[in-house]
């Protein structure tokens, strides 16, 4: 199988170009590849989300210990989700 790499300008209609290429005779498949910069940006956003979530969970745990409040167990949480 032979592959051809097509590079588009920023803001080009990716799906339209992909469909047009797919209509050409002999094209087996088309795939849109994200740029490294976009993949790096998404990874950074995911890492920030995880950090914020874990920080919030840790703060909640510290507050519960400080006030003597009992935290919800994983089993109770799953039961609550099933009821929704």
Protein backbone atom coordinates (compact mmCIF):
# COMPACT_ATOMS: atom_id res chain seq x y z
CA UNK A 1 0.00 0.00 0.00
CA UNK A 2 1.26 3.47 -0.88
CA UNK A 3 0.56 6.51 1.26
CA UNK A 4 0.45 10.19 0.32
CA UNK A 5 0.75 12.94 2.93
CA UNK A 6 -1.39 16.05 2.33
CA UNK A 7 -0.67 19.15 4.43
CA UNK A 8 -3.40 21.78 4.76
CA UNK A 9 -3.17 25.44 5.73
CA UNK A 10 -4.41 26.48 9.17
CA UNK A 11 -8.20 26.87 9.04
CA UNK A 12 -8.66 24.85 5.85
CA UNK A 13 -11.92 22.82 5.72
CA UNK A 14 -10.40 19.51 6.79
CA UNK A 15 -13.52 17.35 6.46
CA UNK A 16 -14.36 18.71 3.00
CA UNK A 17 -10.85 17.95 1.72
CA UNK A 18 -10.95 14.51 3.37
CA UNK A 19 -14.28 13.66 1.66
CA UNK A 20 -12.97 14.87 -1.70
CA UNK A 21 -9.83 12.74 -1.40
CA UNK A 22 -11.98 9.76 -0.37
CA UNK A 23 -13.95 10.07 -3.62
CA UNK A 24 -10.82 9.56 -5.73
CA UNK A 25 -10.48 6.18 -7.42
CA UNK A 26 -8.17 3.81 -5.54
CA UNK A 27 -8.34 5.56 -2.15
CA UNK A 28 -8.69 2.88 0.54
CA UNK A 29 -8.94 5.16 3.57
CA UNK A 30 -8.37 8.70 4.78
CA UNK A 31 -7.15 9.70 8.22
CA UNK A 32 -6.86 13.13 9.81
CA UNK A 33 -3.72 13.41 11.95
CA UNK A 34 -3.45 16.09 14.63
CA UNK A 35 -0.38 18.26 14.70
CA UNK A 36 2.12 17.71 17.50
CA UNK A 37 1.40 21.17 18.90
CA UNK A 38 -2.32 20.39 19.12
CA UNK A 39 -1.66 17.02 20.76
CA UNK A 40 0.74 18.67 23.24
CA UNK A 41 -1.86 21.34 24.06
CA UNK A 42 -4.52 18.71 24.69
CA UNK A 43 -2.15 16.70 26.91
CA UNK A 44 -1.36 19.85 28.91
CA UNK A 45 -5.09 20.60 29.34
CA UNK A 46 -5.70 17.04 30.55
CA UNK A 47 -2.81 17.27 33.02
CA UNK A 48 -4.16 20.56 34.38
CA UNK A 49 -7.64 19.04 34.76
CA UNK A 50 -6.25 16.05 36.68
CA UNK A 51 -4.17 18.32 38.92
CA UNK A 52 -7.18 20.54 39.71
CA UNK A 53 -9.42 17.52 40.37
CA UNK A 54 -6.92 15.81 42.65
CA UNK A 55 -6.21 19.06 44.49
CA UNK A 56 -9.94 19.57 45.06
CA UNK A 57 -10.32 15.97 46.30
CA UNK A 58 -7.35 16.34 48.65
CA UNK A 59 -8.75 19.61 50.03
CA UNK A 60 -12.11 17.90 50.62
CA UNK A 61 -10.38 15.02 52.42
CA UNK A 62 -8.41 17.41 54.65
CA UNK A 63 -11.59 19.37 55.47
CA UNK A 64 -13.49 16.16 56.30
CA UNK A 65 -10.71 15.01 58.63
CA UNK A 66 -10.52 18.42 60.28
CA UNK A 67 -14.28 18.58 60.94
CA UNK A 68 -14.69 14.87 61.70
CA UNK A 69 -17.13 14.40 58.81
CA UNK A 70 -17.44 10.89 57.34
CA UNK A 71 -16.67 10.60 53.64
CA UNK A 72 -18.85 8.66 51.23
CA UNK A 73 -17.59 5.15 50.46
CA UNK A 74 -17.02 3.94 46.90
CA UNK A 75 -19.88 1.42 47.28
CA UNK A 76 -22.29 4.15 48.38
CA UNK A 77 -21.17 6.31 45.47
CA UNK A 78 -21.81 3.48 42.97
CA UNK A 79 -25.26 2.85 44.46
CA UNK A 80 -26.05 6.55 44.14
CA UNK A 81 -25.01 6.49 40.48
CA UNK A 82 -27.15 3.43 39.75
CA UNK A 83 -30.19 5.12 41.28
CA UNK A 84 -29.91 8.11 38.90
